[in-house]
Amino acid sequence: MKRIEENKNKSAITTKYVVNNNSIIVSVFYDEDGDWQFFGKEEVSEEDAIVVSIQEMIDIDKSLVNLPDLKEGESAYRKNKESIWLIRK
């Protein structure tokens, strides 16, 4: 299992909506390749993708440190910023 804090210097994929528009992060994916992805509620395309560090993501949303431990291939989601993170397998 992997805690997000163990990856602070690793790159992550997110969207311009999260970085530039302060969209609430509601989905986090830790994919089979060990890469992290963070998304809001918006429909997105490849053109919306931005690569940042995990530390930048934590700076954007401090609640990410409360993510449950995720195994490769798992994801976590929540309804809004006040909701708890739940694992989706």
PDB file of N, CA and C in Angstrom:
ATOM      1  N   MET A   1       0.835  -1.186   0.000  1.00  0.00           N
ATOM      2  CA  MET A   1       0.000   0.000   0.000  1.00  0.00           C
ATOM      3  C   MET A   1       0.876   1.244   0.000  1.00  0.00           C
ATOM      4  N   LYS A   2       0.351   2.295  -0.540  1.00  0.00           N
ATOM      5  CA  LYS A   2       1.148   3.498  -0.717  1.00  0.00           C
ATOM      6  C   LYS A   2       0.429   4.704  -0.121  1.00  0.00           C
ATOM      7  N   ARG A   3       1.118   5.381   0.749  1.00  0.00           N
ATOM      8  CA  ARG A   3       0.606   6.640   1.291  1.00  0.00           C
ATOM      9  C   ARG A   3       1.059   7.754   0.366  1.00  0.00           C
ATOM     10  N   ILE A   4       0.205   8.713   0.162  1.00  0.00           N
ATOM     11  CA  ILE A   4       0.519   9.803  -0.758  1.00  0.00           C
ATOM     12  C   ILE A   4       1.748  10.584  -0.308  1.00  0.00           C
ATOM     13  N   GLU A   5       1.972  10.710   1.001  1.00  0.00           N
ATOM     14  CA  GLU A   5       3.120  11.481   1.492  1.00  0.00           C
ATOM     15  C   GLU A   5       4.455  10.851   1.106  1.00  0.00           C
ATOM     16  N   GLU A   6       4.457   9.562   0.792  1.00  0.00           N
ATOM     17  CA  GLU A   6       5.691   8.885   0.400  1.00  0.00           C
ATOM     18  C   GLU A   6       6.136   9.282  -1.001  1.00  0.00           C
ATOM     19  N   ASN A   7       5.315  10.035  -1.707  1.00  0.00           N
ATOM     20  CA  ASN A   7       5.562  10.343  -3.116  1.00  0.00           C
ATOM     21  C   ASN A   7       5.641  11.837  -3.398  1.00  0.00           C
ATOM     22  N   LYS A   8       5.971  12.648  -2.422  1.00  0.00           N
ATOM     23  CA  LYS A   8       5.879  14.106  -2.570  1.00  0.00           C
ATOM     24  C   LYS A   8       6.601  14.672  -3.787  1.00  0.00           C
ATOM     25  N   ASN A   9       7.717  14.085  -4.189  1.00  0.00           N
ATOM     26  CA  ASN A   9       8.480  14.615  -5.314  1.00  0.00           C
ATOM     27  C   ASN A   9       8.125  13.956  -6.641  1.00  0.00           C
ATOM     28  N   LYS A  10       7.235  13.001  -6.604  1.00  0.00           N
ATOM     29  CA  LYS A  10       6.828  12.304  -7.811  1.00  0.00           C
ATOM     30  C   LYS A  10       5.843  13.167  -8.600  1.00  0.00           C
ATOM     31  N   SER A  11       5.827  12.992  -9.906  1.00  0.00           N
ATOM     32  CA  SER A  11       4.882  13.763 -10.722  1.00  0.00           C
ATOM     33  C   SER A  11       3.492  13.128 -10.664  1.00  0.00           C
ATOM     34  N   ALA A  12       2.495  13.949 -10.927  1.00  0.00           N
ATOM     35  CA  ALA A  12       1.104  13.519 -10.914  1.00  0.00           C
ATOM     36  C   ALA A  12       0.372  14.224 -12.048  1.00  0.00           C
ATOM     37  N   ILE A  13      -0.687  13.606 -12.489  1.00  0.00           N
ATOM     38  CA  ILE A  13      -1.527  14.215 -13.518  1.00  0.00           C
ATOM     39  C   ILE A  13      -2.769  14.786 -12.848  1.00  0.00           C
ATOM     40  N   THR A  14      -3.097  15.999 -13.235  1.00  0.00           N
ATOM     41  CA  THR A  14      -4.323  16.632 -12.774  1.00  0.00           C
ATOM     42  C   THR A  14      -4.860  17.454 -13.934  1.00  0.00           C
ATOM     43  N   THR A  15      -5.747  18.376 -13.655  1.00  0.00           N
ATOM     44  CA  THR A  15      -6.331  19.179 -14.728  1.00  0.00           C
ATOM     45  C   THR A  15      -6.131  20.662 -14.479  1.00  0.00           C
ATOM     46  N   LYS A  16      -6.286  21.424 -15.529  1.00  0.00           N
ATOM     47  CA  LYS A  16      -6.207  22.878 -15.403  1.00  0.00           C
ATOM     48  C   LYS A  16      -7.314  23.390 -14.502  1.00  0.00           C
ATOM     49  N   TYR A  17      -8.425  22.664 -14.402  1.00  0.00           N
ATOM     50  CA  TYR A  17      -9.524  23.083 -13.532  1.00  0.00           C
ATOM     51  C   TYR A  17      -9.109  23.018 -12.057  1.00  0.00           C
ATOM     52  N   VAL A  18      -8.389  21.971 -11.693  1.00  0.00           N
ATOM     53  CA  VAL A  18      -7.914  21.833 -10.311  1.00  0.00           C
ATOM     54  C   VAL A  18      -6.846  22.881 -10.014  1.00  0.00           C
ATOM     55  N   VAL A  19      -5.879  23.028 -10.914  1.00  0.00           N
ATOM     56  CA  VAL A  19      -4.750  23.929 -10.671  1.00  0.00           C
ATOM     57  C   VAL A  19      -5.135  25.397 -10.825  1.00  0.00           C
ATOM     58  N   ASN A  20      -5.836  25.733 -11.889  1.00  0.00           N
ATOM     59  CA  ASN A  20      -6.115  27.146 -12.179  1.00  0.00           C
ATOM     60  C   ASN A  20      -7.453  27.656 -11.655  1.00  0.00           C
ATOM     61  N   ASN A  21      -8.428  26.765 -11.508  1.00  0.00           N
ATOM     62  CA  ASN A  21      -9.783  27.201 -11.126  1.00  0.00           C
ATOM     63  C   ASN A  21     -10.198  26.734  -9.736  1.00  0.00           C
ATOM     64  N   ASN A  22      -9.276  26.131  -8.998  1.00  0.00           N
ATOM     65  CA  ASN A  22      -9.558  25.647  -7.642  1.00  0.00           C
ATOM     66  C   ASN A  22     -10.715  24.660  -7.587  1.00  0.00           C
ATOM     67  N   SER A  23     -10.848  23.839  -8.609  1.00  0.00           N
ATOM     68  CA  SER A  23     -11.872  22.801  -8.601  1.00  0.00           C
ATOM     69  C   SER A  23     -11.581  21.817  -7.470  1.00  0.00           C
ATOM     70  N   ILE A  24     -12.615  21.391  -6.792  1.00  0.00           N
ATOM     71  CA  ILE A  24     -12.466  20.445  -5.686  1.00  0.00           C
ATOM     72  C   ILE A  24     -12.071  19.076  -6.242  1.00  0.00           C
ATOM     73  N   ILE A  25     -11.039  18.481  -5.680  1.00  0.00           N
ATOM     74  CA  ILE A  25     -10.606  17.145  -6.082  1.00  0.00           C
ATOM     75  C   ILE A  25     -11.568  16.131  -5.479  1.00  0.00           C
ATOM     76  N   VAL A  26     -12.203  15.329  -6.340  1.00  0.00           N
ATOM     77  CA  VAL A  26     -13.165  14.331  -5.869  1.00  0.00           C
ATOM     78  C   VAL A  26     -12.766  12.906  -6.245  1.00  0.00           C
ATOM     79  N   SER A  27     -11.764  12.752  -7.120  1.00  0.00           N
ATOM     80  CA  SER A  27     -11.305  11.425  -7.528  1.00  0.00           C
ATOM     81  C   SER A  27      -9.786  11.389  -7.566  1.00  0.00           C
ATOM     82  N   VAL A  28      -9.235  10.327  -6.990  1.00  0.00           N
ATOM     83  CA  VAL A  28      -7.787  10.115  -7.015  1.00  0.00           C
ATOM     84  C   VAL A  28      -7.545   8.692  -7.488  1.00  0.00           C
ATOM     85  N   PHE A  29      -6.679   8.548  -8.467  1.00  0.00           N
ATOM     86  CA  PHE A  29      -6.329   7.239  -9.012  1.00  0.00           C
ATOM     87  C   PHE A  29      -4.848   6.968  -8.768  1.00  0.00           C
ATOM     88  N   TYR A  30      -4.558   5.776  -8.275  1.00  0.00           N
ATOM     89  CA  TYR A  30      -3.181   5.293  -8.156  1.00  0.00           C
ATOM     90  C   TYR A  30      -3.113   4.108  -9.106  1.00  0.00           C
ATOM     91  N   ASP A  31      -2.687   4.342 -10.338  1.00  0.00           N
ATOM     92  CA  ASP A  31      -2.843   3.342 -11.384  1.00  0.00           C
ATOM     93  C   ASP A  31      -1.842   2.194 -11.284  1.00  0.00           C
ATOM     94  N   GLU A  32      -2.026   1.225 -12.172  1.00  0.00           N
ATOM     95  CA  GLU A  32      -1.213   0.007 -12.167  1.00  0.00           C
ATOM     96  C   GLU A  32       0.268   0.263 -12.392  1.00  0.00           C
ATOM     97  N   ASP A  33       0.598   1.412 -12.997  1.00  0.00           N
ATOM     98  CA  ASP A  33       1.989   1.783 -13.242  1.00  0.00           C
ATOM     99  C   ASP A  33       2.599   2.570 -12.080  1.00  0.00           C
ATOM    100  N   GLY A  34       1.823   2.799 -11.020  1.00  0.00           N
ATOM    101  CA  GLY A  34       2.317   3.558  -9.876  1.00  0.00           C
ATOM    102  C   GLY A  34       2.214   5.061 -10.053  1.00  0.00           C
ATOM    103  N   ASP A  35       1.413   5.500 -11.019  1.00  0.00           N
ATOM    104  CA  ASP A  35       1.225   6.931 -11.260  1.00  0.00           C
ATOM    105  C   ASP A  35      -0.041   7.425 -10.561  1.00  0.00           C
ATOM    106  N   TRP A  36       0.005   8.682 -10.135  1.00  0.00           N
ATOM    107  CA  TRP A  36      -1.109   9.318  -9.439  1.00  0.00           C
ATOM    108  C   TRP A  36      -1.844  10.250 -10.377  1.00  0.00           C
ATOM    109  N   GLN A  37      -3.185  10.294 -10.239  1.00  0.00           N
ATOM    110  CA  GLN A  37      -4.031  11.187 -11.025  1.00  0.00           C
ATOM    111  C   GLN A  37      -5.093  11.780 -10.108  1.00  0.00           C
ATOM    112  N   PHE A  38      -5.339  13.081 -10.257  1.00  0.00           N
ATOM    113  CA  PHE A  38      -6.267  13.819  -9.400  1.00  0.00           C
ATOM    114  C   PHE A  38      -7.261  14.584 -10.266  1.00  0.00           C
ATOM    115  N   PHE A  39      -8.560  14.381 -10.028  1.00  0.00           N
ATOM    116  CA  PHE A  39      -9.585  15.008 -10.853  1.00  0.00           C
ATOM    117  C   PHE A  39     -10.697  15.639 -10.024  1.00  0.00           C
ATOM    118  N   GLY A  40     -11.279  16.684 -10.592  1.00  0.00           N
ATOM    119  CA  GLY A  40     -12.476  17.298 -10.029  1.00  0.00           C
ATOM    120  C   GLY A  40     -13.701  16.678 -10.680  1.00  0.00           C
ATOM    121  N   LYS A  41     -14.830  17.382 -10.621  1.00  0.00           N
ATOM    122  CA  LYS A  41     -16.079  16.869 -11.178  1.00  0.00           C
ATOM    123  C   LYS A  41     -16.251  17.153 -12.663  1.00  0.00           C
ATOM    124  N   GLU A  42     -15.395  17.961 -13.256  1.00  0.00           N
ATOM    125  CA  GLU A  42     -15.546  18.360 -14.650  1.00  0.00           C
ATOM    126  C   GLU A  42     -15.285  17.204 -15.611  1.00  0.00           C
ATOM    127  N   GLU A  43     -15.952  17.248 -16.744  1.00  0.00           N
ATOM    128  CA  GLU A  43     -15.606  16.362 -17.858  1.00  0.00           C
ATOM    129  C   GLU A  43     -14.298  16.907 -18.421  1.00  0.00           C
ATOM    130  N   VAL A  44     -13.327  16.050 -18.651  1.00  0.00           N
ATOM    131  CA  VAL A  44     -12.023  16.523 -19.123  1.00  0.00           C
ATOM    132  C   VAL A  44     -11.573  15.766 -20.360  1.00  0.00           C
ATOM    133  N   SER A  45     -10.663  16.398 -21.077  1.00  0.00           N
ATOM    134  CA  SER A  45     -10.026  15.768 -22.229  1.00  0.00           C
ATOM    135  C   SER A  45      -8.517  15.837 -22.014  1.00  0.00           C
ATOM    136  N   GLU A  46      -7.761  15.233 -22.904  1.00  0.00           N
ATOM    137  CA  GLU A  46      -6.304  15.243 -22.777  1.00  0.00           C
ATOM    138  C   GLU A  46      -5.744  16.658 -22.759  1.00  0.00           C
ATOM    139  N   GLU A  47      -6.387  17.573 -23.460  1.00  0.00           N
ATOM    140  CA  GLU A  47      -5.925  18.963 -23.521  1.00  0.00           C
ATOM    141  C   GLU A  47      -6.023  19.667 -22.161  1.00  0.00           C
ATOM    142  N   ASP A  48      -6.837  19.122 -21.271  1.00  0.00           N
ATOM    143  CA  ASP A  48      -7.020  19.717 -19.944  1.00  0.00           C
ATOM    144  C   ASP A  48      -5.971  19.250 -18.941  1.00  0.00           C
ATOM    145  N   ALA A  49      -5.154  18.264 -19.310  1.00  0.00           N
ATOM    146  CA  ALA A  49      -4.197  17.652 -18.382  1.00  0.00           C
ATOM    147  C   ALA A  49      -3.012  18.562 -18.099  1.00  0.00           C
ATOM    148  N   ILE A  50      -2.556  18.508 -16.842  1.00  0.00           N
ATOM    149  CA  ILE A  50      -1.377  19.238 -16.386  1.00  0.00           C
ATOM    150  C   ILE A  50      -0.559  18.277 -15.523  1.00  0.00           C
ATOM    151  N   VAL A  51       0.750  18.319 -15.654  1.00  0.00           N
ATOM    152  CA  VAL A  51       1.626  17.502 -14.822  1.00  0.00           C
ATOM    153  C   VAL A  51       2.224  18.392 -13.737  1.00  0.00           C
ATOM    154  N   VAL A  52       2.058  17.970 -12.494  1.00  0.00           N
ATOM    155  CA  VAL A  52       2.573  18.687 -11.326  1.00  0.00           C
ATOM    156  C   VAL A  52       3.181  17.663 -10.377  1.00  0.00           C
ATOM    157  N   SER A  53       3.724  18.110  -9.257  1.00  0.00           N
ATOM    158  CA  SER A  53       4.249  17.172  -8.258  1.00  0.00           C
ATOM    159  C   SER A  53       3.154  16.838  -7.244  1.00  0.00           C
ATOM    160  N   ILE A  54       3.347  15.732  -6.560  1.00  0.00           N
ATOM    161  CA  ILE A  54       2.432  15.366  -5.472  1.00  0.00           C
ATOM    162  C   ILE A  54       2.424  16.476  -4.427  1.00  0.00           C
ATOM    163  N   GLN A  55       3.582  17.058  -4.126  1.00  0.00           N
ATOM    164  CA  GLN A  55       3.639  18.145  -3.144  1.00  0.00           C
ATOM    165  C   GLN A  55       2.758  19.317  -3.576  1.00  0.00           C
ATOM    166  N   GLU A  56       2.780  19.651  -4.866  1.00  0.00           N
ATOM    167  CA  GLU A  56       1.903  20.724  -5.354  1.00  0.00           C
ATOM    168  C   GLU A  56       0.439  20.373  -5.143  1.00  0.00           C
ATOM    169  N   MET A  57       0.090  19.105  -5.334  1.00  0.00           N
ATOM    170  CA  MET A  57      -1.293  18.679  -5.114  1.00  0.00           C
ATOM    171  C   MET A  57      -1.665  18.810  -3.635  1.00  0.00           C
ATOM    172  N   ILE A  58      -0.761  18.429  -2.751  1.00  0.00           N
ATOM    173  CA  ILE A  58      -1.023  18.559  -1.312  1.00  0.00           C
ATOM    174  C   ILE A  58      -1.152  20.033  -0.944  1.00  0.00           C
ATOM    175  N   ASP A  59      -0.338  20.894  -1.554  1.00  0.00           N
ATOM    176  CA  ASP A  59      -0.446  22.336  -1.301  1.00  0.00           C
ATOM    177  C   ASP A  59      -1.802  22.875  -1.760  1.00  0.00           C
ATOM    178  N   ILE A  60      -2.334  22.330  -2.855  1.00  0.00           N
ATOM    179  CA  ILE A  60      -3.643  22.747  -3.360  1.00  0.00           C
ATOM    180  C   ILE A  60      -4.760  22.260  -2.451  1.00  0.00           C
ATOM    181  N   ASP A  61      -4.634  21.022  -1.963  1.00  0.00           N
ATOM    182  CA  ASP A  61      -5.689  20.425  -1.131  1.00  0.00           C
ATOM    183  C   ASP A  61      -5.050  19.602  -0.015  1.00  0.00           C
ATOM    184  N   LYS A  62      -4.934  20.213   1.144  1.00  0.00           N
ATOM    185  CA  LYS A  62      -4.288  19.569   2.304  1.00  0.00           C
ATOM    186  C   LYS A  62      -5.003  18.288   2.730  1.00  0.00           C
ATOM    187  N   SER A  63      -6.287  18.141   2.405  1.00  0.00           N
ATOM    188  CA  SER A  63      -7.024  16.939   2.812  1.00  0.00           C
ATOM    189  C   SER A  63      -6.527  15.685   2.096  1.00  0.00           C
ATOM    190  N   LEU A  64      -5.704  15.841   1.069  1.00  0.00           N
ATOM    191  CA  LEU A  64      -5.161  14.666   0.382  1.00  0.00           C
ATOM    192  C   LEU A  64      -4.292  13.816   1.304  1.00  0.00           C
ATOM    193  N   VAL A  65      -3.727  14.413   2.345  1.00  0.00           N
ATOM    194  CA  VAL A  65      -2.924  13.609   3.281  1.00  0.00           C
ATOM    195  C   VAL A  65      -3.811  12.639   4.064  1.00  0.00           C
ATOM    196  N   ASN A  66      -5.128  12.824   4.007  1.00  0.00           N
ATOM    197  CA  ASN A  66      -6.063  11.916   4.685  1.00  0.00           C
ATOM    198  C   ASN A  66      -6.551  10.795   3.783  1.00  0.00           C
ATOM    199  N   LEU A  67      -6.000  10.721   2.568  1.00  0.00           N
ATOM    200  CA  LEU A  67      -6.381   9.621   1.684  1.00  0.00           C
ATOM    201  C   LEU A  67      -6.052   8.296   2.348  1.00  0.00           C
ATOM    202  N   PRO A  68      -6.909   7.288   2.172  1.00  0.00           N
ATOM    203  CA  PRO A  68      -6.540   5.962   2.677  1.00  0.00           C
ATOM    204  C   PRO A  68      -5.371   5.416   1.870  1.00  0.00           C
ATOM    205  N   ASP A  69      -4.665   4.457   2.431  1.00  0.00           N
ATOM    206  CA  ASP A  69      -3.594   3.782   1.683  1.00  0.00           C
ATOM    207  C   ASP A  69      -4.216   3.147   0.447  1.00  0.00           C
ATOM    208  N   LEU A  70      -3.593   3.353  -0.692  1.00  0.00           N
ATOM    209  CA  LEU A  70      -4.092   2.779  -1.937  1.00  0.00           C
ATOM    210  C   LEU A  70      -3.093   1.787  -2.503  1.00  0.00           C
ATOM    211  N   LYS A  71      -3.597   0.690  -3.040  1.00  0.00           N
ATOM    212  CA  LYS A  71      -2.780  -0.264  -3.776  1.00  0.00           C
ATOM    213  C   LYS A  71      -2.798   0.163  -5.232  1.00  0.00           C
ATOM    214  N   GLU A  72      -1.784  -0.244  -5.979  1.00  0.00           N
ATOM    215  CA  GLU A  72      -1.775   0.058  -7.404  1.00  0.00           C
ATOM    216  C   GLU A  72      -3.056  -0.471  -8.036  1.00  0.00           C
ATOM    217  N   GLY A  73      -3.684   0.358  -8.859  1.00  0.00           N
ATOM    218  CA  GLY A  73      -4.935  -0.010  -9.505  1.00  0.00           C
ATOM    219  C   GLY A  73      -6.175   0.431  -8.743  1.00  0.00           C
ATOM    220  N   GLU A  74      -6.012   0.973  -7.548  1.00  0.00           N
ATOM    221  CA  GLU A  74      -7.153   1.436  -6.771  1.00  0.00           C
ATOM    222  C   GLU A  74      -7.352   2.936  -6.928  1.00  0.00           C
ATOM    223  N   SER A  75      -8.531   3.370  -6.547  1.00  0.00           N
ATOM    224  CA  SER A  75      -8.833   4.792  -6.564  1.00  0.00           C
ATOM    225  C   SER A  75      -9.652   5.144  -5.331  1.00  0.00           C
ATOM    226  N   ALA A  76      -9.703   6.435  -5.053  1.00  0.00           N
ATOM    227  CA  ALA A  76     -10.498   6.937  -3.936  1.00  0.00           C
ATOM    228  C   ALA A  76     -11.382   8.059  -4.467  1.00  0.00           C
ATOM    229  N   TYR A  77     -12.522   8.229  -3.842  1.00  0.00           N
ATOM    230  CA  TYR A  77     -13.445   9.271  -4.265  1.00  0.00           C
ATOM    231  C   TYR A  77     -14.170   9.847  -3.056  1.00  0.00           C
ATOM    232  N   ARG A  78     -14.782  10.987  -3.270  1.00  0.00           N
ATOM    233  CA  ARG A  78     -15.615  11.632  -2.259  1.00  0.00           C
ATOM    234  C   ARG A  78     -16.626  12.513  -2.980  1.00  0.00           C
ATOM    235  N   LYS A  79     -17.696  12.872  -2.291  1.00  0.00           N
ATOM    236  CA  LYS A  79     -18.738  13.698  -2.914  1.00  0.00           C
ATOM    237  C   LYS A  79     -18.334  15.163  -2.968  1.00  0.00           C
ATOM    238  N   ASN A  80     -17.681  15.628  -1.906  1.00  0.00           N
ATOM    239  CA  ASN A  80     -17.276  17.034  -1.820  1.00  0.00           C
ATOM    240  C   ASN A  80     -16.105  17.137  -0.845  1.00  0.00           C
ATOM    241  N   LYS A  81     -15.618  18.344  -0.640  1.00  0.00           N
ATOM    242  CA  LYS A  81     -14.415  18.534   0.188  1.00  0.00           C
ATOM    243  C   LYS A  81     -14.628  18.149   1.653  1.00  0.00           C
ATOM    244  N   GLU A  82     -15.862  18.179   2.102  1.00  0.00           N
ATOM    245  CA  GLU A  82     -16.154  17.828   3.498  1.00  0.00           C
ATOM    246  C   GLU A  82     -16.346  16.326   3.711  1.00  0.00           C
ATOM    247  N   SER A  83     -16.514  15.580   2.624  1.00  0.00           N
ATOM    248  CA  SER A  83     -16.744  14.135   2.714  1.00  0.00           C
ATOM    249  C   SER A  83     -15.438  13.395   2.978  1.00  0.00           C
ATOM    250  N   ILE A  84     -15.561  12.195   3.539  1.00  0.00           N
ATOM    251  CA  ILE A  84     -14.384  11.357   3.739  1.00  0.00           C
ATOM    252  C   ILE A  84     -14.036  10.642   2.432  1.00  0.00           C
ATOM    253  N   TRP A  85     -12.782  10.285   2.278  1.00  0.00           N
ATOM    254  CA  TRP A  85     -12.328   9.547   1.109  1.00  0.00           C
ATOM    255  C   TRP A  85     -12.721   8.083   1.253  1.00  0.00           C
ATOM    256  N   LEU A  86     -13.280   7.507   0.195  1.00  0.00           N
ATOM    257  CA  LEU A  86     -13.654   6.101   0.157  1.00  0.00           C
ATOM    258  C   LEU A  86     -12.866   5.437  -0.957  1.00  0.00           C
ATOM    259  N   ILE A  87     -12.460   4.181  -0.748  1.00  0.00           N
ATOM    260  CA  ILE A  87     -11.715   3.450  -1.762  1.00  0.00           C
ATOM    261  C   ILE A  87     -12.686   2.775  -2.724  1.00  0.00           C
ATOM    262  N   ARG A  88     -12.391   2.919  -4.002  1.00  0.00           N
ATOM    263  CA  ARG A  88     -13.128   2.220  -5.066  1.00  0.00           C
ATOM    264  C   ARG A  88     -12.151   1.219  -5.660  1.00  0.00           C
ATOM    265  N   LYS A  89     -12.515  -0.053  -5.615  1.00  0.00           N
ATOM    266  CA  LYS A  89     -11.611  -1.093  -6.116  1.00  0.00           C
ATOM    267  C   LYS A  89     -11.991  -1.522  -7.502  1.00  0.00           C
TER     268      LYS A  89
END
